[in-house]
Amino acid sequence: MSDVIARNRRNRRAGAAWQSKLRDELRGAGMDVERLVLTGVRDEGDHVIRRPRLRLPEFLVLEAKAGAMHPAAFVAEAATEAAHFAAHRGLHPSRVAGIAVVKRRSAAWRDAYVLTTVGTFFDLEDQ
């Protein structure tokens, strides 16, 4: 097996382990987290958190990342996958937000970075 193939396998395993740890820890913190399994061009993200209906957005679609930091690409991917999640369920896009959760090297899961836009974070209307 080539070094590239071995490295890619290790990276996939590390990414999958991060997704599982994030899901399990968020559940342990009392959050309603579900793993999303759709992949490919209509991917919906890695997890969704359902929040109380009184809070908008009601659904947070998480894109978990464990590798090198690419903020613009991660935020764009999270937004696209949130749109897919809403479309597949017939939800108004305002009920769904996408965020990227990026693992920090040698840090606890609670110290991961959360990436989004100012508009998403403050629930501002598009202009």
N, C-alpha and C. Protein backbone atom coordinates (compact mmCIF):
# COMPACT_ATOMS: atom_id res chain seq x y z
N MET A 1 0.86 -1.17 0.00
CA MET A 1 0.00 0.00 0.00
C MET A 1 0.90 1.24 0.00
N SER A 2 0.56 2.20 -0.82
CA SER A 2 1.39 3.40 -0.91
C SER A 2 1.19 4.28 0.32
N ASP A 3 2.16 5.17 0.54
CA ASP A 3 2.08 6.10 1.68
C ASP A 3 0.87 7.01 1.56
N VAL A 4 0.53 7.42 0.35
CA VAL A 4 -0.61 8.32 0.14
C VAL A 4 -1.92 7.62 0.52
N ILE A 5 -2.07 6.37 0.10
CA ILE A 5 -3.29 5.62 0.43
C ILE A 5 -3.39 5.43 1.94
N ALA A 6 -2.28 5.07 2.57
CA ALA A 6 -2.28 4.87 4.02
C ALA A 6 -2.63 6.17 4.74
N ARG A 7 -2.06 7.29 4.30
CA ARG A 7 -2.35 8.58 4.92
C ARG A 7 -3.81 8.95 4.75
N ASN A 8 -4.37 8.73 3.56
CA ASN A 8 -5.78 9.03 3.31
C ASN A 8 -6.68 8.20 4.21
N ARG A 9 -6.35 6.95 4.41
CA ARG A 9 -7.14 6.09 5.30
C ARG A 9 -7.08 6.59 6.74
N ARG A 10 -5.88 6.96 7.18
CA ARG A 10 -5.72 7.50 8.54
C ARG A 10 -6.55 8.77 8.71
N ASN A 11 -6.51 9.64 7.71
CA ASN A 11 -7.26 10.90 7.77
C ASN A 11 -8.76 10.65 7.82
N ARG A 12 -9.24 9.69 7.03
CA ARG A 12 -10.68 9.36 7.05
C ARG A 12 -11.09 8.81 8.42
N ARG A 13 -10.24 7.94 8.98
CA ARG A 13 -10.53 7.39 10.31
C ARG A 13 -10.54 8.49 11.37
N ALA A 14 -9.58 9.41 11.28
CA ALA A 14 -9.53 10.52 12.25
C ALA A 14 -10.77 11.40 12.12
N GLY A 15 -11.20 11.66 10.89
CA GLY A 15 -12.40 12.46 10.67
C GLY A 15 -13.64 11.78 11.20
N ALA A 16 -13.76 10.47 10.98
CA ALA A 16 -14.91 9.72 11.47
C ALA A 16 -14.91 9.67 13.00
N ALA A 17 -13.73 9.52 13.59
CA ALA A 17 -13.64 9.51 15.05
C ALA A 17 -14.05 10.86 15.63
N TRP A 18 -13.66 11.96 14.98
CA TRP A 18 -14.05 13.30 15.43
C TRP A 18 -15.57 13.47 15.33
N GLN A 19 -16.17 13.03 14.24
CA GLN A 19 -17.62 13.13 14.09
C GLN A 19 -18.33 12.38 15.22
N SER A 20 -17.88 11.17 15.51
CA SER A 20 -18.51 10.36 16.56
C SER A 20 -18.32 11.00 17.93
N LYS A 21 -17.12 11.47 18.21
CA LYS A 21 -16.85 12.11 19.51
C LYS A 21 -17.72 13.35 19.68
N LEU A 22 -17.80 14.18 18.65
CA LEU A 22 -18.61 15.40 18.71
C LEU A 22 -20.07 15.05 18.98
N ARG A 23 -20.60 14.09 18.24
CA ARG A 23 -21.99 13.67 18.43
C ARG A 23 -22.22 13.16 19.85
N ASP A 24 -21.36 12.27 20.31
CA ASP A 24 -21.53 11.67 21.63
C ASP A 24 -21.42 12.70 22.75
N GLU A 25 -20.48 13.62 22.63
CA GLU A 25 -20.30 14.64 23.67
C GLU A 25 -21.46 15.64 23.67
N LEU A 26 -21.96 16.01 22.50
CA LEU A 26 -23.11 16.92 22.45
C LEU A 26 -24.35 16.24 23.05
N ARG A 27 -24.52 14.96 22.75
CA ARG A 27 -25.63 14.22 23.38
C ARG A 27 -25.45 14.18 24.89
N GLY A 28 -24.23 13.95 25.34
CA GLY A 28 -23.95 13.93 26.77
C GLY A 28 -24.22 15.26 27.44
N ALA A 29 -24.15 16.34 26.67
CA ALA A 29 -24.43 17.68 27.18
C ALA A 29 -25.93 18.01 27.10
N GLY A 30 -26.73 17.02 26.70
CA GLY A 30 -28.18 17.20 26.68
C GLY A 30 -28.77 17.71 25.38
N MET A 31 -27.99 17.70 24.32
CA MET A 31 -28.50 18.18 23.03
C MET A 31 -29.13 17.05 22.24
N ASP A 32 -30.12 17.40 21.43
CA ASP A 32 -30.82 16.45 20.56
C ASP A 32 -30.07 16.41 19.23
N VAL A 33 -29.12 15.49 19.12
CA VAL A 33 -28.23 15.40 17.96
C VAL A 33 -28.53 14.13 17.18
N GLU A 34 -28.61 14.26 15.86
CA GLU A 34 -28.82 13.11 14.98
C GLU A 34 -27.72 13.10 13.92
N ARG A 35 -27.20 11.92 13.64
CA ARG A 35 -26.21 11.77 12.57
C ARG A 35 -26.93 11.78 11.24
N LEU A 36 -26.41 12.52 10.28
CA LEU A 36 -26.95 12.55 8.93
C LEU A 36 -26.08 11.67 8.05
N VAL A 37 -26.69 10.88 7.18
CA VAL A 37 -25.92 9.90 6.42
C VAL A 37 -25.90 10.14 4.91
N LEU A 38 -26.67 11.08 4.41
CA LEU A 38 -26.69 11.32 2.97
C LEU A 38 -25.34 11.90 2.54
N THR A 39 -24.78 11.35 1.46
CA THR A 39 -23.49 11.83 0.98
C THR A 39 -23.60 12.19 -0.49
N GLY A 40 -22.51 12.70 -1.02
CA GLY A 40 -22.49 13.04 -2.43
C GLY A 40 -22.92 14.47 -2.69
N VAL A 41 -23.42 14.71 -3.89
CA VAL A 41 -23.73 16.06 -4.33
C VAL A 41 -24.86 16.69 -3.51
N ARG A 42 -25.74 15.89 -2.91
CA ARG A 42 -26.85 16.41 -2.10
C ARG A 42 -26.62 16.18 -0.60
N ASP A 43 -25.35 16.11 -0.20
CA ASP A 43 -24.97 15.91 1.20
C ASP A 43 -25.66 16.94 2.09
N GLU A 44 -26.09 16.49 3.27
CA GLU A 44 -26.81 17.34 4.21
C GLU A 44 -25.97 17.70 5.44
N GLY A 45 -24.70 17.39 5.46
CA GLY A 45 -23.87 17.65 6.63
C GLY A 45 -23.65 16.37 7.42
N ASP A 46 -22.96 16.51 8.54
CA ASP A 46 -22.63 15.34 9.36
C ASP A 46 -23.65 15.09 10.47
N HIS A 47 -24.15 16.16 11.08
CA HIS A 47 -25.10 16.04 12.18
C HIS A 47 -26.12 17.16 12.10
N VAL A 48 -27.25 16.97 12.76
CA VAL A 48 -28.21 18.05 12.94
C VAL A 48 -28.58 18.11 14.41
N ILE A 49 -28.66 19.32 14.93
CA ILE A 49 -29.12 19.54 16.30
C ILE A 49 -30.50 20.16 16.22
N ARG A 50 -31.47 19.54 16.87
CA ARG A 50 -32.82 20.11 16.96
C ARG A 50 -32.87 20.96 18.21
N ARG A 51 -33.31 22.20 18.04
CA ARG A 51 -33.41 23.12 19.17
C ARG A 51 -34.88 23.38 19.48
N PRO A 52 -35.18 23.89 20.66
CA PRO A 52 -36.58 24.18 20.99
C PRO A 52 -37.23 25.05 19.93
N ARG A 53 -38.48 24.79 19.63
CA ARG A 53 -39.18 25.50 18.56
C ARG A 53 -39.23 27.00 18.78
N LEU A 54 -39.04 27.45 19.99
CA LEU A 54 -39.06 28.88 20.27
C LEU A 54 -37.82 29.58 19.76
N ARG A 55 -36.80 28.81 19.42
CA ARG A 55 -35.54 29.40 18.95
C ARG A 55 -35.40 29.19 17.45
N LEU A 56 -35.03 30.23 16.77
CA LEU A 56 -34.71 30.11 15.35
C LEU A 56 -33.23 30.38 15.18
N PRO A 57 -32.57 29.71 14.31
CA PRO A 57 -33.10 28.60 13.54
C PRO A 57 -33.32 27.37 14.43
N GLU A 58 -34.34 26.64 14.06
CA GLU A 58 -34.75 25.46 14.83
C GLU A 58 -33.77 24.29 14.66
N PHE A 59 -33.12 24.24 13.50
CA PHE A 59 -32.18 23.15 13.19
C PHE A 59 -30.80 23.73 12.91
N LEU A 60 -29.77 23.16 13.54
CA LEU A 60 -28.39 23.51 13.24
C LEU A 60 -27.76 22.31 12.54
N VAL A 61 -27.36 22.49 11.31
CA VAL A 61 -26.67 21.44 10.56
C VAL A 61 -25.18 21.64 10.80
N LEU A 62 -24.52 20.61 11.33
CA LEU A 62 -23.10 20.68 11.63
C LEU A 62 -22.29 19.95 10.58
N GLU A 63 -21.25 20.60 10.13
CA GLU A 63 -20.26 19.98 9.27
C GLU A 63 -19.00 19.86 10.12
N ALA A 64 -18.64 18.64 10.51
CA ALA A 64 -17.49 18.41 11.39
C ALA A 64 -16.23 18.28 10.55
N LYS A 65 -15.18 19.01 10.94
CA LYS A 65 -13.91 18.99 10.22
C LYS A 65 -12.78 18.71 11.19
N ALA A 66 -11.82 17.88 10.76
CA ALA A 66 -10.71 17.52 11.65
C ALA A 66 -9.35 17.79 11.02
N GLY A 67 -9.30 18.39 9.86
CA GLY A 67 -8.03 18.59 9.18
C GLY A 67 -7.58 20.04 9.18
N ALA A 68 -6.85 20.40 8.14
CA ALA A 68 -6.34 21.76 7.99
C ALA A 68 -7.49 22.76 7.94
N MET A 69 -7.23 23.96 8.41
CA MET A 69 -8.25 25.00 8.50
C MET A 69 -8.42 25.71 7.16
N HIS A 70 -9.65 25.64 6.63
CA HIS A 70 -10.03 26.34 5.41
C HIS A 70 -11.38 27.02 5.67
N PRO A 71 -11.39 28.13 6.42
CA PRO A 71 -12.64 28.73 6.89
C PRO A 71 -13.67 29.03 5.81
N ALA A 72 -13.27 29.69 4.74
CA ALA A 72 -14.24 30.06 3.71
C ALA A 72 -14.89 28.83 3.09
N ALA A 73 -14.09 27.82 2.80
CA ALA A 73 -14.63 26.59 2.21
C ALA A 73 -15.54 25.86 3.19
N PHE A 74 -15.16 25.82 4.46
CA PHE A 74 -15.97 25.13 5.47
C PHE A 74 -17.32 25.81 5.66
N VAL A 75 -17.32 27.15 5.74
CA VAL A 75 -18.57 27.89 5.93
C VAL A 75 -19.47 27.73 4.71
N ALA A 76 -18.89 27.79 3.52
CA ALA A 76 -19.68 27.62 2.29
C ALA A 76 -20.28 26.21 2.23
N GLU A 77 -19.50 25.20 2.59
CA GLU A 77 -20.00 23.83 2.59
C GLU A 77 -21.14 23.66 3.59
N ALA A 78 -20.98 24.23 4.79
CA ALA A 78 -22.03 24.13 5.81
C ALA A 78 -23.31 24.80 5.33
N ALA A 79 -23.21 25.95 4.68
CA ALA A 79 -24.40 26.65 4.17
C ALA A 79 -25.09 25.84 3.08
N THR A 80 -24.32 25.26 2.18
CA THR A 80 -24.89 24.43 1.11
C THR A 80 -25.61 23.22 1.70
N GLU A 81 -24.99 22.57 2.66
CA GLU A 81 -25.58 21.38 3.24
C GLU A 81 -26.82 21.71 4.08
N ALA A 82 -26.84 22.87 4.71
CA ALA A 82 -28.05 23.30 5.43
C ALA A 82 -29.19 23.52 4.45
N ALA A 83 -28.89 24.09 3.29
CA ALA A 83 -29.92 24.29 2.26
C ALA A 83 -30.45 22.95 1.76
N HIS A 84 -29.57 21.96 1.59
CA HIS A 84 -30.00 20.62 1.18
C HIS A 84 -30.91 20.00 2.24
N PHE A 85 -30.52 20.13 3.51
CA PHE A 85 -31.32 19.59 4.62
C PHE A 85 -32.72 20.19 4.59
N ALA A 86 -32.81 21.50 4.45
CA ALA A 86 -34.11 22.18 4.42
C ALA A 86 -34.94 21.73 3.21
N ALA A 87 -34.32 21.67 2.05
CA ALA A 87 -35.03 21.30 0.82
C ALA A 87 -35.57 19.87 0.89
N HIS A 88 -34.77 18.95 1.41
CA HIS A 88 -35.20 17.55 1.49
C HIS A 88 -36.37 17.34 2.44
N ARG A 89 -36.56 18.26 3.37
CA ARG A 89 -37.63 18.13 4.36
C ARG A 89 -38.75 19.14 4.18
N GLY A 90 -38.67 19.93 3.13
CA GLY A 90 -39.71 20.93 2.87
C GLY A 90 -39.75 22.03 3.92
N LEU A 91 -38.61 22.32 4.53
CA LEU A 91 -38.53 23.36 5.56
C LEU A 91 -38.18 24.70 4.94
N HIS A 92 -38.69 25.77 5.51
CA HIS A 92 -38.27 27.11 5.08
C HIS A 92 -36.80 27.28 5.48
N PRO A 93 -35.97 27.83 4.59
CA PRO A 93 -34.54 27.97 4.90
C PRO A 93 -34.25 28.73 6.19
N SER A 94 -35.14 29.60 6.63
CA SER A 94 -34.90 30.36 7.86
C SER A 94 -34.93 29.46 9.10
N ARG A 95 -35.46 28.25 8.97
CA ARG A 95 -35.52 27.32 10.10
C ARG A 95 -34.24 26.49 10.26
N VAL A 96 -33.30 26.65 9.31
CA VAL A 96 -32.09 25.82 9.30
C VAL A 96 -30.86 26.71 9.13
N ALA A 97 -29.83 26.46 9.94
CA ALA A 97 -28.55 27.16 9.79
C ALA A 97 -27.44 26.12 9.70
N GLY A 98 -26.42 26.43 8.94
CA GLY A 98 -25.27 25.55 8.81
C GLY A 98 -24.06 26.14 9.49
N ILE A 99 -23.35 25.32 10.27
CA ILE A 99 -22.12 25.75 10.91
C ILE A 99 -21.06 24.67 10.73
N ALA A 100 -19.82 25.09 10.69
CA ALA A 100 -18.70 24.14 10.65
C ALA A 100 -18.10 24.07 12.04
N VAL A 101 -17.83 22.85 12.51
CA VAL A 101 -17.19 22.64 13.80
C VAL A 101 -15.84 22.01 13.51
N VAL A 102 -14.77 22.75 13.81
CA VAL A 102 -13.42 22.34 13.42
C VAL A 102 -12.63 21.94 14.66
N LYS A 103 -12.15 20.71 14.65
CA LYS A 103 -11.36 20.18 15.77
C LYS A 103 -10.06 20.96 15.90
N ARG A 104 -9.73 21.28 17.14
CA ARG A 104 -8.43 21.90 17.43
C ARG A 104 -7.45 20.81 17.83
N ARG A 105 -6.30 20.84 17.24
CA ARG A 105 -5.28 19.84 17.53
C ARG A 105 -4.92 19.85 19.01
N SER A 106 -4.88 18.68 19.61
CA SER A 106 -4.50 18.49 21.02
C SER A 106 -5.37 19.29 21.99
N ALA A 107 -6.63 19.49 21.65
CA ALA A 107 -7.53 20.24 22.52
C ALA A 107 -8.79 19.42 22.78
N ALA A 108 -9.47 19.74 23.86
CA ALA A 108 -10.72 19.06 24.19
C ALA A 108 -11.79 19.40 23.15
N TRP A 109 -12.80 18.55 23.05
CA TRP A 109 -13.85 18.77 22.04
C TRP A 109 -14.55 20.10 22.26
N ARG A 110 -14.70 20.53 23.50
CA ARG A 110 -15.38 21.80 23.79
C ARG A 110 -14.58 23.01 23.31
N ASP A 111 -13.31 22.81 23.00
CA ASP A 111 -12.47 23.90 22.53
C ASP A 111 -12.36 23.95 21.01
N ALA A 112 -13.18 23.16 20.33
CA ALA A 112 -13.20 23.19 18.86
C ALA A 112 -13.70 24.56 18.41
N TYR A 113 -13.38 24.91 17.19
CA TYR A 113 -13.83 26.18 16.61
C TYR A 113 -15.19 25.98 15.95
N VAL A 114 -16.05 26.98 16.07
CA VAL A 114 -17.33 26.99 15.37
C VAL A 114 -17.26 28.13 14.36
N LEU A 115 -17.43 27.79 13.09
CA LEU A 115 -17.33 28.78 12.02
C LEU A 115 -18.68 28.99 11.36
N THR A 116 -19.04 30.24 11.18
CA THR A 116 -20.25 30.61 10.47
C THR A 116 -20.09 32.07 10.04
N THR A 117 -21.13 32.63 9.49
CA THR A 117 -21.09 34.04 9.10
C THR A 117 -21.76 34.89 10.17
N VAL A 118 -21.51 36.18 10.14
CA VAL A 118 -22.17 37.11 11.05
C VAL A 118 -23.68 37.04 10.84
N GLY A 119 -24.11 36.98 9.58
CA GLY A 119 -25.54 36.91 9.28
C GLY A 119 -26.20 35.69 9.88
N THR A 120 -25.53 34.55 9.79
CA THR A 120 -26.09 33.32 10.38
C THR A 120 -26.07 33.39 11.90
N PHE A 121 -24.97 33.84 12.46
CA PHE A 121 -24.83 33.86 13.91
C PHE A 121 -25.86 34.77 14.57
N PHE A 122 -26.09 35.94 13.97
CA PHE A 122 -27.03 36.91 14.55
C PHE A 122 -28.42 36.82 13.93
N ASP A 123 -28.65 35.80 13.10
CA ASP A 123 -29.95 35.59 12.46
C ASP A 123 -30.43 36.84 11.73
N LEU A 124 -29.55 37.42 10.92
CA LEU A 124 -29.87 38.61 10.14
C LEU A 124 -30.50 38.21 8.81
N GLU A 125 -31.43 38.99 8.35
CA GLU A 125 -32.06 38.72 7.06
C GLU A 125 -31.08 39.00 5.92
N ASP A 126 -31.22 38.23 4.84
CA ASP A 126 -30.40 38.46 3.65
C ASP A 126 -30.77 39.79 3.02
N GLN A 127 -29.78 40.45 2.46
CA GLN A 127 -30.06 41.72 1.76
C GLN A 127 -29.61 41.64 0.33
